Structures are given as C-alpha cells and as structure tokens.
Amino acid sequence: MIRFYGCDFCKHCTGMKKGHPVCEAFPNGVAYDHMDKDLQNLKECNNGIGFEPREKNTNK
C-alpha cells in the first residue's frame, strides 16, 4: 500500500533520508509520529517553519 503524508505536498520537503522525508524544518528527517499529524492545519512544524503547499505544475 502506498501512503502519502502532508510532507509530500509541502514546498519545504527536500527529499528522503532513510525512509523519512527531509525538509527545512527537519533536516535530519521527519519523525513518523509527526507525519501522522494534520500538517496543513499546524502553524509550525519545527524551527519556525510550517506547512506550505507546493505550487502545482502547470506545464502542459
């Protein structure tokens, strides 16, 4: 089963490290318990950085 987390849709997510998303808020990897939170409604994830949606690719 494929599971998507809020991190997958955040513009601060920069990749993966050992199976965890890596972002500006969590440079060493986001903990699984944090990924289960409603990230889109949190004011801050960590280090003063919160969820911001990625811009949709409008190239056709």
PDB file of N, CA and C in Angstrom:
ATOM      1  N   MET A   1       0.836  -1.171   0.000  1.00  0.00           N
ATOM      2  CA  MET A   1       0.000   0.000   0.000  1.00  0.00           C
ATOM      3  C   MET A   1       0.889   1.245   0.000  1.00  0.00           C
ATOM      4  N   ILE A   2       0.516   2.205  -0.816  1.00  0.00           N
ATOM      5  CA  ILE A   2       1.227   3.481  -0.865  1.00  0.00           C
ATOM      6  C   ILE A   2       0.491   4.465   0.028  1.00  0.00           C
ATOM      7  N   ARG A   3       1.264   5.167   0.844  1.00  0.00           N
ATOM      8  CA  ARG A   3       0.659   6.140   1.758  1.00  0.00           C
ATOM      9  C   ARG A   3       1.321   7.487   1.538  1.00  0.00           C
ATOM     10  N   PHE A   4       0.508   8.516   1.453  1.00  0.00           N
ATOM     11  CA  PHE A   4       1.023   9.864   1.305  1.00  0.00           C
ATOM     12  C   PHE A   4       0.838  10.609   2.613  1.00  0.00           C
ATOM     13  N   TYR A   5       1.783  11.453   2.923  1.00  0.00           N
ATOM     14  CA  TYR A   5       1.737  12.267   4.123  1.00  0.00           C
ATOM     15  C   TYR A   5       1.672  13.731   3.709  1.00  0.00           C
ATOM     16  N   GLY A   6       1.276  14.593   4.628  1.00  0.00           N
ATOM     17  CA  GLY A   6       1.244  16.022   4.339  1.00  0.00           C
ATOM     18  C   GLY A   6       2.593  16.530   3.856  1.00  0.00           C
ATOM     19  N   CYS A   7       3.658  15.943   4.373  1.00  0.00           N
ATOM     20  CA  CYS A   7       5.012  16.348   3.973  1.00  0.00           C
ATOM     21  C   CYS A   7       5.210  16.225   2.461  1.00  0.00           C
ATOM     22  N   ASP A   8       4.576  15.238   1.858  1.00  0.00           N
ATOM     23  CA  ASP A   8       4.732  15.008   0.427  1.00  0.00           C
ATOM     24  C   ASP A   8       4.221  16.178  -0.405  1.00  0.00           C
ATOM     25  N   PHE A   9       3.369  17.001   0.169  1.00  0.00           N
ATOM     26  CA  PHE A   9       2.755  18.106  -0.560  1.00  0.00           C
ATOM     27  C   PHE A   9       3.243  19.474  -0.093  1.00  0.00           C
ATOM     28  N   CYS A  10       4.280  19.482   0.743  1.00  0.00           N
ATOM     29  CA  CYS A  10       4.817  20.726   1.300  1.00  0.00           C
ATOM     30  C   CYS A  10       6.019  21.206   0.488  1.00  0.00           C
ATOM     31  N   LYS A  11       6.085  22.508   0.252  1.00  0.00           N
ATOM     32  CA  LYS A  11       7.185  23.053  -0.544  1.00  0.00           C
ATOM     33  C   LYS A  11       8.529  23.000   0.192  1.00  0.00           C
ATOM     34  N   HIS A  12       8.519  22.764   1.506  1.00  0.00           N
ATOM     35  CA  HIS A  12       9.763  22.711   2.273  1.00  0.00           C
ATOM     36  C   HIS A  12      10.417  21.329   2.241  1.00  0.00           C
ATOM     37  N   CYS A  13       9.697  20.321   1.757  1.00  0.00           N
ATOM     38  CA  CYS A  13      10.237  18.962   1.680  1.00  0.00           C
ATOM     39  C   CYS A  13      11.311  18.918   0.596  1.00  0.00           C
ATOM     40  N   THR A  14      12.495  18.433   0.963  1.00  0.00           N
ATOM     41  CA  THR A  14      13.626  18.452   0.038  1.00  0.00           C
ATOM     42  C   THR A  14      14.063  17.065  -0.417  1.00  0.00           C
ATOM     43  N   GLY A  15      13.449  16.009   0.092  1.00  0.00           N
ATOM     44  CA  GLY A  15      13.825  14.661  -0.323  1.00  0.00           C
ATOM     45  C   GLY A  15      13.574  13.647   0.773  1.00  0.00           C
ATOM     46  N   MET A  16      14.301  12.539   0.687  1.00  0.00           N
ATOM     47  CA  MET A  16      14.142  11.437   1.640  1.00  0.00           C
ATOM     48  C   MET A  16      15.502  11.070   2.216  1.00  0.00           C
ATOM     49  N   LYS A  17      15.477  10.579   3.466  1.00  0.00           N
ATOM     50  CA  LYS A  17      16.689  10.099   4.128  1.00  0.00           C
ATOM     51  C   LYS A  17      16.293   8.929   5.010  1.00  0.00           C
ATOM     52  N   LYS A  18      16.760   7.742   4.683  1.00  0.00           N
ATOM     53  CA  LYS A  18      16.453   6.533   5.448  1.00  0.00           C
ATOM     54  C   LYS A  18      14.950   6.330   5.641  1.00  0.00           C
ATOM     55  N   GLY A  19      14.188   6.563   4.578  1.00  0.00           N
ATOM     56  CA  GLY A  19      12.751   6.328   4.613  1.00  0.00           C
ATOM     57  C   GLY A  19      11.926   7.434   5.231  1.00  0.00           C
ATOM     58  N   HIS A  20      12.549   8.524   5.612  1.00  0.00           N
ATOM     59  CA  HIS A  20      11.846   9.659   6.211  1.00  0.00           C
ATOM     60  C   HIS A  20      11.977  10.874   5.295  1.00  0.00           C
ATOM     61  N   PRO A  21      10.901  11.651   5.156  1.00  0.00           N
ATOM     62  CA  PRO A  21      11.046  12.913   4.423  1.00  0.00           C
ATOM     63  C   PRO A  21      12.034  13.821   5.152  1.00  0.00           C
ATOM     64  N   VAL A  22      12.780  14.597   4.397  1.00  0.00           N
ATOM     65  CA  VAL A  22      13.718  15.578   4.929  1.00  0.00           C
ATOM     66  C   VAL A  22      13.238  16.941   4.457  1.00  0.00           C
ATOM     67  N   CYS A  23      13.282  17.918   5.346  1.00  0.00           N
ATOM     68  CA  CYS A  23      12.820  19.246   4.968  1.00  0.00           C
ATOM     69  C   CYS A  23      13.603  20.302   5.735  1.00  0.00           C
ATOM     70  N   GLU A  24      13.272  21.556   5.441  1.00  0.00           N
ATOM     71  CA  GLU A  24      13.933  22.662   6.123  1.00  0.00           C
ATOM     72  C   GLU A  24      13.623  22.662   7.618  1.00  0.00           C
ATOM     73  N   ALA A  25      12.452  22.166   8.000  1.00  0.00           N
ATOM     74  CA  ALA A  25      12.076  22.118   9.412  1.00  0.00           C
ATOM     75  C   ALA A  25      12.749  20.953  10.138  1.00  0.00           C
ATOM     76  N   PHE A  26      12.942  19.843   9.430  1.00  0.00           N
ATOM     77  CA  PHE A  26      13.563  18.637   9.998  1.00  0.00           C
ATOM     78  C   PHE A  26      14.685  18.167   9.072  1.00  0.00           C
ATOM     79  N   PRO A  27      15.857  18.798   9.131  1.00  0.00           N
ATOM     80  CA  PRO A  27      16.946  18.442   8.212  1.00  0.00           C
ATOM     81  C   PRO A  27      17.486  17.030   8.408  1.00  0.00           C
ATOM     82  N   ASN A  28      17.242  16.409   9.550  1.00  0.00           N
ATOM     83  CA  ASN A  28      17.706  15.040   9.787  1.00  0.00           C
ATOM     84  C   ASN A  28      16.616  14.000   9.553  1.00  0.00           C
ATOM     85  N   GLY A  29      15.470  14.438   9.070  1.00  0.00           N
ATOM     86  CA  GLY A  29      14.365  13.521   8.794  1.00  0.00           C
ATOM     87  C   GLY A  29      13.194  13.753   9.733  1.00  0.00           C
ATOM     88  N   VAL A  30      11.991  13.705   9.176  1.00  0.00           N
ATOM     89  CA  VAL A  30      10.762  13.912   9.938  1.00  0.00           C
ATOM     90  C   VAL A  30      10.400  12.624  10.667  1.00  0.00           C
ATOM     91  N   ALA A  31      10.096  12.711  11.956  1.00  0.00           N
ATOM     92  CA  ALA A  31       9.699  11.533  12.738  1.00  0.00           C
ATOM     93  C   ALA A  31       8.320  11.055  12.279  1.00  0.00           C
ATOM     94  N   TYR A  32       8.109   9.750  12.302  1.00  0.00           N
ATOM     95  CA  TYR A  32       6.833   9.188  11.857  1.00  0.00           C
ATOM     96  C   TYR A  32       5.656   9.766  12.640  1.00  0.00           C
ATOM     97  N   ASP A  33       5.807   9.966  13.951  1.00  0.00           N
ATOM     98  CA  ASP A  33       4.678  10.484  14.732  1.00  0.00           C
ATOM     99  C   ASP A  33       4.299  11.901  14.305  1.00  0.00           C
ATOM    100  N   HIS A  34       5.232  12.658  13.789  1.00  0.00           N
ATOM    101  CA  HIS A  34       4.914  13.993  13.292  1.00  0.00           C
ATOM    102  C   HIS A  34       4.156  13.916  11.966  1.00  0.00           C
ATOM    103  N   MET A  35       4.494  12.949  11.130  1.00  0.00           N
ATOM    104  CA  MET A  35       3.845  12.820   9.824  1.00  0.00           C
ATOM    105  C   MET A  35       2.376  12.453   9.948  1.00  0.00           C
ATOM    106  N   ASP A  36       1.976  11.851  11.051  1.00  0.00           N
ATOM    107  CA  ASP A  36       0.575  11.484  11.243  1.00  0.00           C
ATOM    108  C   ASP A  36      -0.297  12.654  11.702  1.00  0.00           C
ATOM    109  N   LYS A  37       0.306  13.810  11.965  1.00  0.00           N
ATOM    110  CA  LYS A  37      -0.455  14.989  12.381  1.00  0.00           C
ATOM    111  C   LYS A  37      -1.101  15.655  11.166  1.00  0.00           C
ATOM    112  N   ASP A  38      -2.091  16.485  11.421  1.00  0.00           N
ATOM    113  CA  ASP A  38      -2.747  17.255  10.364  1.00  0.00           C
ATOM    114  C   ASP A  38      -1.848  18.449  10.040  1.00  0.00           C
ATOM    115  N   LEU A  39      -0.844  18.223   9.232  1.00  0.00           N
ATOM    116  CA  LEU A  39       0.195  19.219   8.993  1.00  0.00           C
ATOM    117  C   LEU A  39      -0.332  20.493   8.349  1.00  0.00           C
ATOM    118  N   GLN A  40      -1.346  20.371   7.523  1.00  0.00           N
ATOM    119  CA  GLN A  40      -1.860  21.546   6.831  1.00  0.00           C
ATOM    120  C   GLN A  40      -2.512  22.532   7.790  1.00  0.00           C
ATOM    121  N   ASN A  41      -2.892  22.083   8.969  1.00  0.00           N
ATOM    122  CA  ASN A  41      -3.520  22.968   9.944  1.00  0.00           C
ATOM    123  C   ASN A  41      -2.615  23.336  11.111  1.00  0.00           C
ATOM    124  N   LEU A  42      -1.360  22.859  11.094  1.00  0.00           N
ATOM    125  CA  LEU A  42      -0.394  23.266  12.120  1.00  0.00           C
ATOM    126  C   LEU A  42       0.185  24.626  11.751  1.00  0.00           C
ATOM    127  N   LYS A  43       0.388  25.474  12.741  1.00  0.00           N
ATOM    128  CA  LYS A  43       1.017  26.760  12.463  1.00  0.00           C
ATOM    129  C   LYS A  43       2.521  26.589  12.252  1.00  0.00           C
ATOM    130  N   GLU A  44       3.111  25.604  12.938  1.00  0.00           N
ATOM    131  CA  GLU A  44       4.549  25.384  12.828  1.00  0.00           C
ATOM    132  C   GLU A  44       4.850  23.903  12.986  1.00  0.00           C
ATOM    133  N   CYS A  45       5.718  23.396  12.131  1.00  0.00           N
ATOM    134  CA  CYS A  45       6.170  22.007  12.267  1.00  0.00           C
ATOM    135  C   CYS A  45       7.376  21.945  13.200  1.00  0.00           C
ATOM    136  N   ASN A  46       8.398  22.765  12.896  1.00  0.00           N
ATOM    137  CA  ASN A  46       9.634  22.787  13.670  1.00  0.00           C
ATOM    138  C   ASN A  46      10.486  23.961  13.181  1.00  0.00           C
ATOM    139  N   ASN A  47      11.341  24.477  14.037  1.00  0.00           N
ATOM    140  CA  ASN A  47      12.286  25.537  13.668  1.00  0.00           C
ATOM    141  C   ASN A  47      11.618  26.749  13.018  1.00  0.00           C
ATOM    142  N   GLY A  48      10.384  27.071  13.404  1.00  0.00           N
ATOM    143  CA  GLY A  48       9.687  28.227  12.853  1.00  0.00           C
ATOM    144  C   GLY A  48       9.141  28.031  11.447  1.00  0.00           C
ATOM    145  N   ILE A  49       9.203  26.806  10.948  1.00  0.00           N
ATOM    146  CA  ILE A  49       8.744  26.504   9.592  1.00  0.00           C
ATOM    147  C   ILE A  49       7.482  25.669   9.670  1.00  0.00           C
ATOM    148  N   GLY A  50       6.494  26.028   8.878  1.00  0.00           N
ATOM    149  CA  GLY A  50       5.238  25.296   8.849  1.00  0.00           C
ATOM    150  C   GLY A  50       4.910  24.823   7.436  1.00  0.00           C
ATOM    151  N   PHE A  51       3.835  24.081   7.333  1.00  0.00           N
ATOM    152  CA  PHE A  51       3.390  23.553   6.048  1.00  0.00           C
ATOM    153  C   PHE A  51       3.028  24.684   5.095  1.00  0.00           C
ATOM    154  N   GLU A  52       3.554  24.594   3.888  1.00  0.00           N
ATOM    155  CA  GLU A  52       3.161  25.477   2.792  1.00  0.00           C
ATOM    156  C   GLU A  52       3.001  24.596   1.564  1.00  0.00           C
ATOM    157  N   PRO A  53       1.846  24.644   0.916  1.00  0.00           N
ATOM    158  CA  PRO A  53       1.636  23.751  -0.225  1.00  0.00           C
ATOM    159  C   PRO A  53       2.588  24.040  -1.375  1.00  0.00           C
ATOM    160  N   ARG A  54       2.989  22.971  -2.058  1.00  0.00           N
ATOM    161  CA  ARG A  54       3.799  23.129  -3.266  1.00  0.00           C
ATOM    162  C   ARG A  54       2.941  23.769  -4.342  1.00  0.00           C
ATOM    163  N   GLU A  55       3.579  24.517  -5.204  1.00  0.00           N
ATOM    164  CA  GLU A  55       2.839  25.047  -6.350  1.00  0.00           C
ATOM    165  C   GLU A  55       2.610  23.925  -7.336  1.00  0.00           C
ATOM    166  N   LYS A  56       1.430  23.900  -7.889  1.00  0.00           N
ATOM    167  CA  LYS A  56       1.101  22.858  -8.856  1.00  0.00           C
ATOM    168  C   LYS A  56       1.844  23.118 -10.159  1.00  0.00           C
ATOM    169  N   ASN A  57       2.308  22.048 -10.785  1.00  0.00           N
ATOM    170  CA  ASN A  57       2.979  22.137 -12.065  1.00  0.00           C
ATOM    171  C   ASN A  57       1.924  22.405 -13.139  1.00  0.00           C
ATOM    172  N   THR A  58       2.007  23.556 -13.759  1.00  0.00           N
ATOM    173  CA  THR A  58       1.024  23.910 -14.773  1.00  0.00           C
ATOM    174  C   THR A  58       1.550  23.718 -16.187  1.00  0.00           C
ATOM    175  N   ASN A  59       2.740  23.121 -16.327  1.00  0.00           N
ATOM    176  CA  ASN A  59       3.293  22.865 -17.658  1.00  0.00           C
ATOM    177  C   ASN A  59       2.463  21.802 -18.363  1.00  0.00           C
ATOM    178  N   LYS A  60       2.169  22.032 -19.618  1.00  0.00           N
ATOM    179  CA  LYS A  60       1.399  21.055 -20.389  1.00  0.00           C
ATOM    180  C   LYS A  60       2.083  20.731 -21.673  1.00  0.00           C
TER     181      LYS A  60
END
